[in-house]
Protein backbone atom coordinates (compact mmCIF):
# COMPACT_ATOMS: atom_id res chain seq x y z
CA MET A 1 193.70 251.76 144.10
CA THR A 2 190.44 251.86 144.85
CA TYR A 3 187.99 252.11 141.39
CA ARG A 4 184.28 252.55 142.21
CA THR A 5 182.36 251.76 138.78
CA GLY A 6 178.60 251.75 138.45
CA GLY A 7 177.45 250.05 141.62
CA ARG A 8 179.89 247.61 143.03
CA ARG A 9 183.37 248.96 142.87
CA SER A 10 186.61 247.12 140.92
CA ARG A 11 189.56 248.61 143.36
CA PRO A 12 192.69 248.51 141.09
CA LEU A 13 193.83 251.80 139.83
CA ARG A 14 192.08 253.16 136.60
CA VAL A 15 193.87 255.85 138.87
CA ALA A 16 190.97 257.64 140.40
CA ALA A 17 190.60 257.54 136.74
CA LEU A 18 187.00 258.90 135.63
CA ALA A 19 189.40 259.55 136.85
CA ALA A 20 214.74 275.08 149.34
CA ALA A 21 215.05 277.81 151.54
CA ALA A 22 212.15 280.02 152.34
CA PHE A 23 211.93 282.90 149.64
CA LEU A 24 210.16 286.15 149.00
CA ALA A 25 206.46 286.83 150.72
CA LEU A 26 204.01 286.37 147.41
CA SER A 27 203.52 290.22 148.38
CA GLY A 28 206.72 291.37 147.14
CA CYS A 29 207.36 288.66 144.59
CA GLY A 30 206.69 289.74 140.88
CA SER A 31 204.10 287.89 138.45
CA THR A 32 205.33 286.34 135.12
CA GLU A 33 203.38 287.19 132.18
CA ASN A 34 204.00 285.52 129.91
CA ASP A 35 203.28 282.12 129.20
CA GLY A 36 206.50 280.23 127.06
CA GLU A 37 209.49 281.90 127.82
CA ARG A 38 210.16 281.68 130.76
CA GLU A 39 214.19 280.83 131.64
CA PRO A 40 214.51 277.43 132.75
CA SER A 41 215.64 278.55 136.25
CA GLY A 42 215.19 281.65 138.28
CA PRO A 43 214.47 282.68 141.44
CA PRO A 44 210.97 281.30 142.63
CA THR A 45 208.03 283.30 142.29
CA VAL A 46 203.99 284.19 141.47
CA LEU A 47 202.34 282.85 138.39
CA ARG A 48 198.69 284.75 138.46
CA VAL A 49 195.73 283.44 137.11
CA PRO A 50 193.93 284.56 135.28
CA ASP A 51 195.92 288.03 135.34
CA GLY A 52 199.22 286.88 134.05
CA TYR A 53 197.90 283.35 132.19
CA PRO A 54 194.50 282.46 131.34
CA SER A 55 194.11 279.26 132.40
CA ILE A 56 195.23 277.39 135.56
CA GLN A 57 196.74 274.63 133.43
CA GLN A 58 199.11 277.20 131.56
CA ALA A 59 200.73 278.51 135.13
CA VAL A 60 201.45 274.81 135.92
CA ASP A 61 203.05 273.61 132.63
CA VAL A 62 205.79 277.01 133.35
CA ALA A 63 206.21 276.79 136.82
CA ARG A 64 209.85 275.96 138.40
CA PRO A 65 210.19 274.62 141.11
CA GLY A 66 209.52 276.70 144.64
CA ASP A 67 207.09 278.77 142.57
CA VAL A 68 203.21 280.34 143.57
CA VAL A 69 200.77 279.41 141.45
CA LEU A 70 197.91 282.29 142.98
CA ILE A 71 195.00 281.80 141.53
CA SER A 72 191.78 284.49 141.78
CA SER A 73 188.23 284.37 142.89
CA GLY A 74 186.04 282.40 140.22
CA VAL A 75 184.79 279.48 138.71
CA TYR A 76 187.69 277.54 137.08
CA HIS A 77 185.79 274.65 133.93
CA GLU A 78 189.22 272.60 133.69
CA SER A 79 191.14 269.26 134.83
CA VAL A 80 194.44 270.63 136.43
CA THR A 81 197.77 268.41 136.27
CA VAL A 82 200.91 269.49 138.25
CA SER A 83 203.73 267.20 137.04
CA ARG A 84 206.56 269.09 138.23
CA PRO A 85 208.16 269.08 141.41
CA ARG A 86 208.01 271.67 144.82
CA VAL A 87 204.70 273.64 142.93
CA VAL A 88 202.13 275.44 145.06
CA LEU A 89 198.65 275.77 143.92
CA ARG A 90 196.85 278.33 145.89
CA GLY A 91 193.52 279.88 145.79
CA ALA A 92 193.13 283.36 146.68
CA ASP A 93 189.73 282.75 148.31
CA ARG A 94 189.37 278.88 149.85
CA ASP A 95 185.08 279.65 149.48
CA LYS A 96 185.41 281.42 145.70
CA THR A 97 188.25 279.95 144.04
CA VAL A 98 186.63 276.82 142.38
CA ILE A 99 187.62 274.09 140.11
CA ASP A 100 184.26 272.67 138.91
CA GLY A 101 184.20 269.49 136.71
CA GLU A 102 180.71 270.36 135.92
CA PHE A 103 179.57 266.46 136.42
CA ARG A 104 181.86 265.80 133.04
CA ARG A 105 185.57 265.69 133.71
CA ALA A 106 186.85 263.06 136.08
CA ASN A 107 189.69 264.77 138.57
CA GLY A 108 189.95 268.35 139.59
CA ILE A 109 193.75 268.03 139.91
CA THR A 110 196.42 265.30 139.98
CA VAL A 111 199.64 265.86 141.36
CA THR A 112 202.25 263.41 140.31
CA GLY A 113 205.28 266.25 141.03
CA ALA A 114 207.10 265.90 144.09
CA ALA A 115 206.52 267.97 147.48
CA SER A 116 204.20 269.87 145.20
CA VAL A 117 201.18 271.37 147.06
CA VAL A 118 196.59 272.17 146.74
CA GLU A 119 196.10 275.12 149.06
CA ASN A 120 193.01 277.03 150.00
CA LEU A 121 190.70 276.57 146.67
CA THR A 122 187.36 274.40 146.17
CA VAL A 123 187.16 271.14 143.80
CA ARG A 124 183.59 270.06 143.39
CA ASN A 125 181.19 268.20 140.68
CA HIS A 126 184.00 265.92 139.41
CA LEU A 127 183.06 262.53 138.05
CA ALA A 128 186.13 260.48 139.98
CA ASN A 129 188.16 262.56 142.43
CA GLY A 130 188.12 266.60 143.58
CA VAL A 131 192.45 266.15 144.38
CA LEU A 132 194.60 263.23 144.17
CA PHE A 133 198.10 262.91 144.57
CA THR A 134 199.77 259.97 143.27
CA GLY A 135 203.21 258.04 141.96
CA VAL A 136 201.37 256.49 138.77
CA THR A 137 201.95 258.87 136.23
CA ASP A 138 201.11 256.57 133.22
CA GLU A 139 198.29 259.08 131.37
CA ARG A 140 196.13 255.94 129.92
CA LEU A 141 196.05 254.46 133.59
CA GLN A 142 194.98 257.98 134.72
CA ALA A 143 191.85 258.18 132.04
CA GLY A 144 190.63 255.07 132.94
CA ALA A 145 189.75 254.03 129.24
CA GLY A 146 190.22 250.49 130.04
CA GLY A 147 188.88 248.16 132.71
CA SER A 148 190.60 247.43 136.05
CA ASP A 149 193.02 244.38 134.02
CA SER A 150 195.04 246.81 132.90
CA TYR A 151 196.57 248.21 136.19
CA ASP A 152 198.69 245.01 138.16
CA PRO A 153 198.13 246.71 141.69
CA LEU A 154 201.43 244.64 142.64
CA ASP A 155 203.51 246.80 140.22
CA THR A 156 205.17 249.54 142.48
CA VAL A 157 208.27 249.61 140.87
CA LYS A 158 207.02 250.96 137.75
CA PHE A 159 205.01 253.21 139.90
CA PRO A 160 207.59 253.86 142.59
CA PRO A 161 205.41 256.51 145.02
CA LEU A 162 205.02 259.49 144.84
CA LYS A 163 207.58 261.30 148.03
CA GLY A 164 205.88 264.05 149.55
CA PHE A 165 202.38 266.36 149.15
CA ARG A 166 200.12 268.86 151.01
CA ALA A 167 196.99 269.29 150.74
CA SER A 168 196.01 272.48 153.35
CA TYR A 169 192.72 274.31 153.37
CA VAL A 170 191.05 272.27 150.62
CA THR A 171 187.73 271.96 150.52
CA ALA A 172 186.34 269.27 148.04
CA TYR A 173 182.53 268.04 147.87
CA ASN A 174 180.10 266.36 145.74
CA ASN A 175 182.83 264.14 143.60
CA ALA A 176 181.83 260.98 142.80
CA LEU A 177 184.76 259.10 144.02
CA TYR A 178 186.96 261.27 146.73
CA GLY A 179 187.17 264.16 148.22
CA ILE A 180 190.95 264.06 148.90
CA TYR A 181 193.15 261.15 147.44
CA ALA A 182 196.19 259.60 148.57
CA PHE A 183 197.57 256.61 146.41
CA ASP A 184 200.83 255.10 145.95
CA ALA A 185 202.16 258.57 147.94
CA ARG A 186 203.85 258.99 151.28
CA SER A 187 205.86 261.73 153.41
CA GLY A 188 202.87 263.71 153.00
CA VAL A 189 200.15 265.80 154.84
CA ILE A 190 196.34 266.33 154.69
CA GLU A 191 194.99 269.07 157.08
CA HIS A 192 192.20 271.98 158.00
CA SER A 193 190.55 270.55 154.55
CA TYR A 194 186.36 269.17 154.55
CA ALA A 195 184.97 267.09 152.71
CA SER A 196 181.43 266.05 151.72
CA GLY A 197 179.27 264.51 149.15
CA GLN A 198 181.92 262.41 147.99
CA SER A 199 180.02 258.69 146.91
CA ASP A 200 182.87 256.85 148.57
CA SER A 201 184.93 258.62 150.79
CA GLY A 202 186.04 262.16 151.92
CA ILE A 203 189.58 261.10 152.21
CA TYR A 204 191.77 258.13 150.87
CA VAL A 205 194.94 257.27 151.83
CA GLY A 206 195.99 253.76 150.00
CA GLN A 207 199.16 251.58 149.06
CA CYS A 208 201.46 252.95 150.76
CA ASP A 209 204.28 251.19 153.25
CA PRO A 210 205.43 252.96 154.92
CA CYS A 211 202.99 255.88 154.51
CA ASP A 212 204.89 259.17 157.00
CA THR A 213 201.88 260.85 156.20
CA VAL A 214 199.41 262.65 158.73
CA VAL A 215 196.16 263.45 158.26
CA ARG A 216 194.72 266.08 160.81
CA HIS A 217 192.12 268.57 161.92
CA ASN A 218 189.99 267.61 158.45
CA THR A 219 186.12 268.08 158.88
CA LEU A 220 184.34 264.93 157.20
CA GLU A 221 180.30 264.91 156.33
CA HIS A 222 178.01 263.88 154.12
CA ASN A 223 180.14 261.35 152.52
CA ALA A 224 179.64 257.61 152.48
CA ILE A 225 182.32 257.14 154.48
CA GLY A 226 184.37 260.01 155.99
CA ILE A 227 187.76 258.64 155.52
CA GLU A 228 188.90 255.18 154.03
CA VAL A 229 192.42 253.51 154.48
CA THR A 230 193.42 250.77 152.30
CA ASN A 231 196.79 248.86 152.57
CA ALA A 232 198.25 251.88 154.26
CA SER A 233 200.58 251.16 156.92
CA ARG A 234 203.53 252.43 159.41
CA ASP A 235 203.91 255.92 160.56
CA LEU A 236 200.10 256.72 159.51
CA TYR A 237 199.04 259.37 161.76
CA PHE A 238 194.78 260.28 162.23
CA LEU A 239 195.12 263.37 164.51
CA ALA A 240 192.39 265.26 165.63
CA ASN A 241 189.62 265.16 162.73
CA THR A 242 185.85 265.30 162.86
CA ALA A 243 184.14 262.60 160.89
CA HIS A 244 180.47 263.22 161.61
CA ARG A 245 177.20 262.49 159.65
CA ASN A 246 177.99 259.94 157.10
CA ARG A 247 177.25 256.80 156.57
CA VAL A 248 180.77 255.40 158.11
CA GLY A 249 182.98 257.05 160.30
CA LEU A 250 186.68 255.98 159.64
CA THR A 251 187.07 252.86 157.64
CA ILE A 252 191.21 250.63 157.83
CA ASN A 253 191.41 247.77 155.98
CA SER A 254 193.03 245.14 153.91
CA ASN A 255 192.33 243.72 150.28
CA ASN A 256 194.25 241.93 147.10
CA LEU A 257 193.36 244.52 144.97
CA GLU A 258 196.06 247.05 145.83
CA ALA A 259 199.42 246.07 147.09
CA LEU A 260 201.49 245.84 150.28
CA GLY A 261 198.76 244.11 151.87
CA PRO A 262 198.04 243.19 154.86
CA GLN A 263 197.76 246.67 156.07
CA HIS A 264 199.74 247.40 159.56
CA GLU A 265 200.46 250.23 162.07
CA ALA A 266 198.27 253.13 161.41
CA VAL A 267 197.45 255.22 164.71
CA VAL A 268 194.22 257.14 164.98
CA ILE A 269 194.11 259.26 167.96
CA GLY A 270 191.97 262.43 169.42
CA ASN A 271 189.19 262.56 166.75
CA THR A 272 185.66 262.68 166.95
CA ILE A 273 183.72 259.72 164.98
CA THR A 274 180.28 260.57 165.85
CA ASP A 275 176.31 260.26 164.27
CA ASN A 276 177.19 258.32 161.23
CA ASN A 277 173.57 257.37 160.45
CA ASP A 278 173.28 259.99 157.61
CA ASP A 279 170.15 259.38 155.21
CA ARG A 280 171.62 262.22 153.51
CA SER A 281 174.31 260.56 151.77
CA PRO A 282 175.57 258.67 149.39
CA GLU A 283 174.86 255.32 149.49
CA GLN A 284 177.83 253.31 150.89
CA ALA A 285 178.76 250.82 148.35
CA ASP A 286 179.15 247.32 150.49
CA GLY A 287 176.04 248.76 152.64
CA GLY A 288 177.67 249.51 155.51
CA PHE A 289 175.76 252.42 157.82
CA GLY A 290 175.60 253.23 161.47
CA ILE A 291 179.21 252.49 162.15
CA GLY A 292 181.72 254.62 163.85
CA ILE A 293 185.00 252.79 162.63
CA GLY A 294 185.73 249.57 161.07
CA ILE A 295 188.94 247.57 160.55
CA GLY A 296 188.94 245.01 158.39
CA GLY A 297 191.82 243.19 158.42
CA GLY A 298 194.17 245.01 159.82
CA THR A 299 196.90 244.58 161.97
CA ARG A 300 198.62 246.30 164.77
CA ASN A 301 196.67 249.52 164.53
CA ARG A 302 195.99 251.56 167.85
CA VAL A 303 192.77 253.54 168.49
CA GLU A 304 193.18 255.36 171.27
CA ARG A 305 191.65 258.47 172.75
CA ASN A 306 188.59 259.49 170.64
CA ARG A 307 184.83 260.15 171.28
CA ILE A 308 183.20 257.45 169.29
CA ASP A 309 179.08 258.29 170.12
CA GLY A 310 176.32 258.07 168.35
CA HIS A 311 176.24 255.10 165.94
CA ARG A 312 172.78 252.79 165.43
CA VAL A 313 174.69 250.16 164.48
CA ALA A 314 178.15 249.79 167.05
CA ALA A 315 180.94 251.88 167.56
CA LEU A 316 183.82 249.67 166.71
CA VAL A 317 183.82 246.75 164.43
CA LEU A 318 186.80 244.08 163.69
CA ARG A 319 186.38 241.80 161.21
CA ASP A 320 187.96 238.95 158.74
CA VAL A 321 187.78 240.11 155.41
CA GLN A 322 189.08 238.03 152.02
CA GLY A 323 191.43 236.05 154.02
CA TYR A 324 193.41 239.14 156.22
CA PRO A 325 192.56 238.44 159.86
CA VAL A 326 192.01 241.48 162.10
CA ARG A 327 195.05 241.11 164.41
CA GLY A 328 196.65 242.71 166.64
CA ASN A 329 194.78 246.12 167.17
CA SER A 330 194.72 248.17 170.60
CA ILE A 331 191.24 249.69 170.89
CA ARG A 332 192.15 251.46 174.53
CA ASP A 333 190.64 254.77 176.61
CA ASN A 334 188.30 255.98 173.74
CA ALA A 335 184.87 257.47 175.06
CA VAL A 336 182.16 254.71 173.76
CA GLY A 337 178.76 255.44 173.75
CA GLY A 338 175.09 255.03 171.68
CA GLY A 339 174.41 251.41 171.28
CA THR A 340 176.67 248.94 170.75
CA GLY A 341 180.21 249.98 171.71
CA PHE A 342 182.58 247.04 170.29
CA VAL A 343 182.00 244.21 168.08
CA LEU A 344 184.38 241.30 166.91
CA ALA A 345 183.11 239.26 164.31
CA ALA A 346 186.15 236.99 164.03
CA ALA A 347 186.48 233.32 164.61
CA ARG A 348 189.47 233.74 167.06
CA THR A 349 190.63 237.19 169.17
CA GLY A 350 193.56 237.24 166.89
CA GLY A 351 195.48 239.78 170.08
CA ASN A 352 193.06 242.47 169.71
CA CYS A 353 191.92 244.34 172.59
CA PHE A 354 189.38 246.52 174.02
CA THR A 355 189.63 248.00 177.08
CA GLY A 356 188.79 251.92 178.76
CA GLY A 357 185.42 251.98 176.68
CA GLY A 358 183.15 252.65 178.98
CA PRO A 359 180.47 250.53 179.85
CA ALA A 360 178.88 250.52 176.02
CA PRO A 361 177.99 246.90 175.33
CA THR A 362 179.62 244.37 173.70
CA SER A 363 179.56 241.05 171.20
CA PRO A 364 180.27 238.75 172.01
CA ARG A 365 178.42 240.28 175.51
CA SER A 366 181.26 239.05 177.36
CA LEU A 367 184.33 239.15 175.60
CA PRO A 368 187.72 236.97 177.47
CA SER A 369 190.21 238.32 179.17
CA ALA A 370 192.08 237.66 176.21
CA VAL A 371 190.69 240.65 174.98
CA THR A 372 189.72 243.25 178.04
CA SER A 373 193.21 243.80 178.66
CA CYS A 374 196.28 245.22 176.43
CA PRO A 375 198.17 243.68 174.85
CA GLY A 376 195.31 241.40 173.96
CA ARG A 377 196.30 237.57 173.52
CA ASP A 378 195.07 235.12 170.38
CA VAL A 379 192.16 232.63 171.79
CA PRO A 380 189.05 231.40 169.54
CA LEU A 381 185.87 232.49 170.42
CA SER A 382 183.22 230.60 170.96
CA ALA A 383 181.25 232.54 168.67
CA PRO A 384 181.98 235.53 166.44
CA GLY A 385 180.21 239.29 167.67
CA THR A 386 177.30 240.14 165.27
CA THR A 387 176.21 243.64 164.77
CA ALA A 388 172.63 245.27 164.99
CA GLN A 389 170.67 244.61 162.08
CA VAL A 390 169.07 248.08 161.58
CA ALA A 391 167.31 249.37 158.48
CA VAL A 392 169.14 251.29 155.85
CA PRO A 393 168.06 254.48 154.95
CA PRO A 394 168.31 254.75 150.89
CA GLY A 395 171.33 256.67 149.60
CA VAL A 396 170.95 260.05 147.61
CA SER A 397 173.36 261.15 144.26
CA PHE A 398 176.31 262.52 144.84
CA LYS A 399 175.05 265.72 143.22
CA GLN A 400 172.43 266.16 145.34
CA VAL A 401 174.44 266.94 148.51
CA ALA A 402 174.14 270.12 149.78
CA ALA A 403 176.83 272.62 149.16
CA PRO A 404 178.89 273.50 152.48
CA PRO A 405 179.29 276.41 154.33
CA PRO A 406 181.71 278.73 154.08
CA GLN A 407 184.95 277.25 155.28
CA ARG A 408 188.04 278.72 157.50
CA GLN A 409 190.81 280.39 155.44
CA MET A 410 194.15 280.18 154.98
CA PRO A 411 195.98 282.68 157.32
CA GLY A 412 197.80 285.44 154.83
CA ALA A 413 196.73 283.23 151.35
CA ARG A 414 197.87 286.28 149.38
CA THR A 415 200.81 287.06 150.71
CA ALA A 416 202.39 283.86 152.96
CA ALA A 417 205.71 282.69 151.71
CA ALA A 418 205.45 279.55 150.20
CA ARG A 419 206.18 276.31 151.50
CA PRO A 420 206.60 273.28 149.14
CA ALA A 421 206.04 269.88 150.72
CA THR A 422 209.47 269.00 151.78
CA GLY A 423 210.85 267.27 155.00
CA LEU A 424 206.73 266.33 155.92
CA PRO A 425 205.30 265.55 157.77
CA GLY A 426 207.89 266.21 160.07
CA PRO A 427 207.69 265.40 164.10
CA VAL A 428 205.09 263.68 166.04
CA ASP A 429 203.61 264.49 169.06
CA LEU A 430 201.23 261.88 170.28
CA ALA A 431 200.69 263.76 173.53
CA ARG A 432 199.44 266.68 172.19
CA TYR A 433 196.11 265.22 170.75
CA ARG A 434 193.77 264.13 174.26
CA LEU A 435 190.35 262.97 173.98
CA PRO A 436 188.05 265.38 172.87
CA ALA A 437 184.94 266.90 174.50
CA PRO A 438 181.76 266.25 174.22
CA SER A 439 179.74 267.82 171.27
CA SER A 440 177.54 271.05 173.32
CA SER A 441 175.20 270.23 169.96
């Protein structure tokens, strides 16, 4: 897991430390009013906060699989841990049901219970993450009291991945690290959510193989990075998201500080990644700015039918990192414009290919034929490509990014039947995701 302390960041898990059938619609379900007297089994029900339980955590602690914890409008000053399986945590109003860390608490919501769900609420002002889904259940690691040496990033046997998760219609803003964070988790969906003002990234997916995860129809803006992917591989799809006005739109990386490197075989299709040159966002730790998509040491990823436009440095940058060569990535049929289109900053072509991107300039200026048709071939480059040198504006504190406007509500939030995160992500039809139209703004 990636952890950030101070200015530069130490990745291994201080877990974000600073850190079955359908049932009755909610309108027909009863609310349990007594916190400690529930039977260990029974039909799914609705636990209402604060009408039935004075705090979210009290309701979650007695929830049974299939229950809904329905949170009324209000600002809640607590951190919530969902450790039980198939619990649905839902706000009655996305904009008005708010878990506020007051810049004092680490995480807003931590989910370790398989197939549990967070939907239709806001998480803000945390010293680490808005929402964290993870298979790491050791509270000492989640508390982040120790340094990065307290976690062995290769210990995936001790902490097997969380199986089944979903975040839908979540608003996450002004959190110090990540808005919505899936680490050591698989078989999930992140959808219809909004993230802004994170010092690291709006959405992060890390350390899973296979991930079996879909990230779709989300909006990321005013973050250091819109979407960040590290050592997350196979059956991982980023579809129809909008990442604009961040410092960097989307990154796909391999590194040695998380397990399961090198990263490989993610799919990025039908996204709008534009104008990621924001000077009113937190500063990216490595100085990244003005880049649409960056792939550092990633392998065999598909980047197709995306609109990648308006970047001061480059639309796409591929580079070798930390001993991981960038190899076998297919970059094709994207709409690329507004500056340098494609930079291959590596000693060899590595079987990467870039085709159908339009007339945008590239670096090296003249790409060899081994790159300009797919699949690519591996040959030496006479010189690595380079990125444009631009003045990088200073960042702002994550505490100072403006609050977002009202966001789209989950349909029927007060009455919709619960949907635990089972059987996810479901079928993925890539043909549905076409090249986005140009923005009208």
